[in-house]
Protein backbone atom coordinates (compact mmCIF):
# COMPACT_ATOMS: atom_id res chain seq x y z
CA UNK A 1 -9.10 -10.22 7.01
CA UNK A 2 -5.80 -9.74 6.48
CA UNK A 3 -3.88 -6.80 7.36
CA UNK A 4 -0.43 -5.39 7.67
CA UNK A 5 1.62 -4.05 10.45
CA UNK A 6 5.01 -2.16 9.67
CA UNK A 7 7.19 -3.56 12.22
CA UNK A 8 8.99 -6.81 13.99
CA UNK A 9 6.60 -10.09 14.85
CA UNK A 10 5.01 -9.04 18.51
CA UNK A 11 2.66 -11.26 19.89
CA UNK A 12 0.78 -8.04 21.66
CA UNK A 13 0.10 -6.92 18.03
CA UNK A 14 -0.97 -10.49 16.90
CA UNK A 15 -3.20 -10.75 19.83
CA UNK A 16 -4.91 -7.13 19.56
CA UNK A 17 -5.17 -8.18 15.57
CA UNK A 18 -7.24 -11.65 16.53
CA UNK A 19 -9.32 -9.21 18.66
CA UNK A 20 -9.72 -6.87 15.92
CA UNK A 21 -10.96 -9.67 13.42
CA UNK A 22 -7.63 -9.61 11.34
CA UNK A 23 -4.73 -11.77 10.49
CA UNK A 24 -1.70 -9.59 10.93
CA UNK A 25 1.17 -9.87 8.07
CA UNK A 26 4.19 -7.96 9.99
CA UNK A 27 6.59 -5.61 7.48
CA UNK A 28 10.07 -4.49 7.19
CA UNK A 29 10.32 -1.11 5.38
CA UNK A 30 13.49 -1.12 3.44
CA UNK A 31 14.89 1.93 1.22
CA UNK A 32 18.35 0.35 0.35
CA UNK A 33 20.50 -3.22 0.17
CA UNK A 34 22.03 -1.86 3.61
CA UNK A 35 19.12 -2.01 5.89
CA UNK A 36 18.74 -5.57 4.82
CA UNK A 37 19.92 -8.73 6.47
CA UNK A 38 17.72 -11.25 4.76
CA UNK A 39 18.43 -14.23 7.16
CA UNK A 40 17.41 -12.31 10.30
CA UNK A 41 14.91 -10.55 8.58
CA UNK A 42 13.03 -13.34 7.50
CA UNK A 43 12.63 -14.63 11.45
CA UNK A 44 11.45 -11.27 12.24
CA UNK A 45 9.10 -10.60 9.26
CA UNK A 46 6.53 -12.02 6.93
CA UNK A 47 6.82 -9.37 3.88
CA UNK A 48 8.88 -6.46 2.66
CA UNK A 49 7.63 -2.98 2.08
CA UNK A 50 9.96 -1.32 -0.36
CA UNK A 51 10.15 2.85 -0.56
CA UNK A 52 12.40 3.99 -3.16
CA UNK A 53 12.39 6.59 -6.14
CA UNK A 54 14.73 4.68 -8.05
CA UNK A 55 13.56 1.70 -10.02
CA UNK A 56 17.12 0.35 -10.36
CA UNK A 57 17.35 -0.13 -6.53
CA UNK A 58 13.84 -1.14 -6.45
CA UNK A 59 14.95 -4.08 -8.51
CA UNK A 60 17.56 -5.12 -6.41
CA UNK A 61 15.96 -5.21 -3.71
CA UNK A 62 13.27 -7.68 -5.30
CA UNK A 63 15.59 -9.80 -6.29
CA UNK A 64 17.41 -10.06 -2.91
CA UNK A 65 14.43 -10.72 -0.85
CA UNK A 66 11.96 -12.64 -2.99
CA UNK A 67 13.00 -15.88 -2.33
CA UNK A 68 12.78 -15.14 1.63
CA UNK A 69 9.78 -13.28 2.10
CA UNK A 70 6.05 -14.14 1.03
CA UNK A 71 4.77 -10.70 0.30
CA UNK A 72 6.73 -8.12 -1.64
CA UNK A 73 5.07 -4.49 -1.35
CA UNK A 74 5.99 -1.35 -3.36
CA UNK A 75 5.24 2.17 -2.20
CA UNK A 76 4.08 4.42 -4.64
CA UNK A 77 6.92 7.27 -4.57
CA UNK A 78 6.54 8.79 -8.41
CA UNK A 79 5.39 7.41 -11.58
CA UNK A 80 8.04 5.20 -12.69
CA UNK A 81 8.19 3.25 -9.46
CA UNK A 82 4.51 2.72 -9.79
CA UNK A 83 4.81 1.31 -13.42
CA UNK A 84 7.40 -0.62 -12.31
CA UNK A 85 5.99 -2.32 -9.37
CA UNK A 86 2.93 -3.33 -11.54
CA UNK A 87 4.95 -4.89 -14.52
CA UNK A 88 7.44 -6.52 -12.14
CA UNK A 89 6.25 -10.41 -11.88
CA UNK A 90 7.60 -10.85 -8.13
CA UNK A 91 5.65 -7.64 -6.36
CA UNK A 92 1.90 -8.66 -5.20
CA UNK A 93 1.11 -4.94 -4.76
CA UNK A 94 1.33 -1.07 -5.13
CA UNK A 95 0.68 0.90 -1.23
CA UNK A 96 -0.59 4.17 -1.96
CA UNK A 97 0.16 5.21 -5.17
CA UNK A 98 -0.77 8.76 -4.74
CA UNK A 99 2.11 9.02 -1.89
CA UNK A 100 4.11 11.90 -2.12
CA UNK A 101 2.62 13.97 -4.86
CA UNK A 102 2.74 17.60 -4.47
CA UNK A 103 -0.06 19.12 -6.53
CA UNK A 104 -3.07 17.96 -8.41
CA UNK A 105 -3.67 18.98 -12.41
CA UNK A 106 -6.06 21.37 -14.01
CA UNK A 107 -8.45 18.66 -14.94
CA UNK A 108 -8.04 15.73 -12.61
CA UNK A 109 -6.06 14.73 -9.47
CA UNK A 110 -2.71 13.62 -9.12
CA UNK A 111 -3.57 10.03 -7.64
CA UNK A 112 -0.33 7.95 -9.29
CA UNK A 113 -3.06 5.89 -11.35
CA UNK A 114 -4.29 6.52 -14.85
CA UNK A 115 -6.14 3.57 -17.18
CA UNK A 116 -2.82 2.64 -18.54
CA UNK A 117 -1.49 1.34 -15.22
CA UNK A 118 -4.76 0.27 -14.13
CA UNK A 119 -4.67 -2.13 -17.39
CA UNK A 120 -1.01 -3.18 -16.12
CA UNK A 121 -2.23 -4.06 -12.93
CA UNK A 122 -5.23 -5.99 -14.12
CA UNK A 123 -3.26 -7.65 -16.82
CA UNK A 124 -0.60 -8.65 -14.09
CA UNK A 125 -3.27 -9.36 -11.33
CA UNK A 126 -1.66 -6.49 -8.74
CA UNK A 127 -3.68 -5.37 -6.07
CA UNK A 128 -3.40 -1.49 -5.12
CA UNK A 129 -3.42 -1.13 -1.21
CA UNK A 130 -4.46 2.16 0.39
CA UNK A 131 -3.35 2.94 3.86
CA UNK A 132 -5.97 3.97 6.27
CA UNK A 133 -2.97 5.49 8.41
CA UNK A 134 -2.00 7.94 6.30
CA UNK A 135 -5.42 9.27 6.33
CA UNK A 136 -6.07 9.21 10.12
CA UNK A 137 -2.31 11.01 10.32
CA UNK A 138 -2.93 13.42 7.68
CA UNK A 139 -3.49 17.06 9.14
CA UNK A 140 -6.92 18.65 7.72
CA UNK A 141 -5.86 19.82 4.93
CA UNK A 142 -4.15 17.00 3.62
CA UNK A 143 -6.37 14.46 4.46
CA UNK A 144 -9.39 16.09 2.01
CA UNK A 145 -6.56 15.71 -0.56
CA UNK A 146 -5.26 12.52 0.40
CA UNK A 147 -9.14 11.19 0.23
CA UNK A 148 -10.00 12.79 -2.87
CA UNK A 149 -6.84 11.30 -4.35
CA UNK A 150 -7.71 7.69 -2.94
CA UNK A 151 -11.39 8.15 -3.78
CA UNK A 152 -10.38 8.43 -7.43
CA UNK A 153 -8.01 5.61 -7.65
CA UNK A 154 -10.72 3.17 -6.02
CA UNK A 155 -13.36 4.52 -9.33
CA UNK A 156 -10.11 3.81 -11.47
CA UNK A 157 -9.96 0.31 -9.93
CA UNK A 158 -13.34 -0.74 -10.05
CA UNK A 159 -13.84 0.83 -13.65
CA UNK A 160 -10.73 -1.63 -14.75
CA UNK A 161 -11.35 -4.81 -12.26
CA UNK A 162 -8.28 -3.99 -10.54
CA UNK A 163 -8.26 -5.36 -7.12
CA UNK A 164 -8.73 -2.21 -4.40
CA UNK A 165 -8.38 -2.54 -0.80
CA UNK A 166 -8.01 -0.44 2.54
CA UNK A 167 -5.76 -1.86 5.27
CA UNK A 168 -4.41 -0.40 8.20
CA UNK A 169 -0.81 -0.21 7.39
CA UNK A 170 -0.30 0.59 11.03
CA UNK A 171 2.96 1.39 12.59
CA UNK A 172 1.82 1.23 16.10
CA UNK A 173 -1.32 -0.38 18.12
CA UNK A 174 -3.33 2.77 18.45
CA UNK A 175 -3.90 3.33 14.62
CA UNK A 176 -5.31 -0.30 14.22
CA UNK A 177 -9.11 -0.68 13.23
CA UNK A 178 -11.09 -3.15 13.18
CA UNK A 179 -12.05 -5.37 10.29
CA UNK A 180 -15.25 -4.29 9.96
CA UNK A 181 -14.01 -0.34 10.30
CA UNK A 182 -12.03 -0.94 6.97
CA UNK A 183 -14.98 -2.83 5.68
CA UNK A 184 -17.10 0.09 6.31
CA UNK A 185 -14.48 2.63 5.43
CA UNK A 186 -13.96 1.13 2.01
CA UNK A 187 -17.44 1.12 1.06
CA UNK A 188 -17.75 4.71 2.01
CA UNK A 189 -15.14 5.02 -0.71
CA UNK A 190 -16.69 3.24 -3.28
CA UNK A 191 -19.69 5.46 -2.83
CA UNK A 192 -18.40 8.53 -2.76
CA UNK A 193 -18.48 10.92 -5.63
CA UNK A 194 -15.49 12.98 -6.46
CA UNK A 195 -15.98 16.88 -7.63
CA UNK A 196 -12.74 18.36 -9.34
């Protein structure tokens, strides 16, 4: 199973990932062009994780990195970014579409996905990735809210045939869980009903 680690290539992390049954991909998290040194970064990282709230900046970063990295993943910071990511030809996945959402709506959760975005994701063969680390690191109150949004996203993805995966997205060795744990957690998400 392929998993993602946010940080530089590291033999210790690779070794631990293999022991956990994971093939690790090292991500560089960037927010603007100044953080990027493409020649150096392409040696230290396998892929790029773009975190921005500006679609223009997102497109600039994609254009600068697309020839050097095998994966470009976008963090779902707002509705415009989520849609732009799913429509862009050079991105492979949208990470945590529910990221930075404040309040849920009266009749449904503010999860960052809806039927329109799921159809775009399906038609453009994009993947929705959810971060297991964001669940583990949240406080008790926010953990329940995040889980509810992730479960809603999983249900939408299943309904519209969009690839949905749960990955560690770890930033240190302690956050890494085994392939078996990730598969079981994803199966639990699939079998959970949401109440609102």
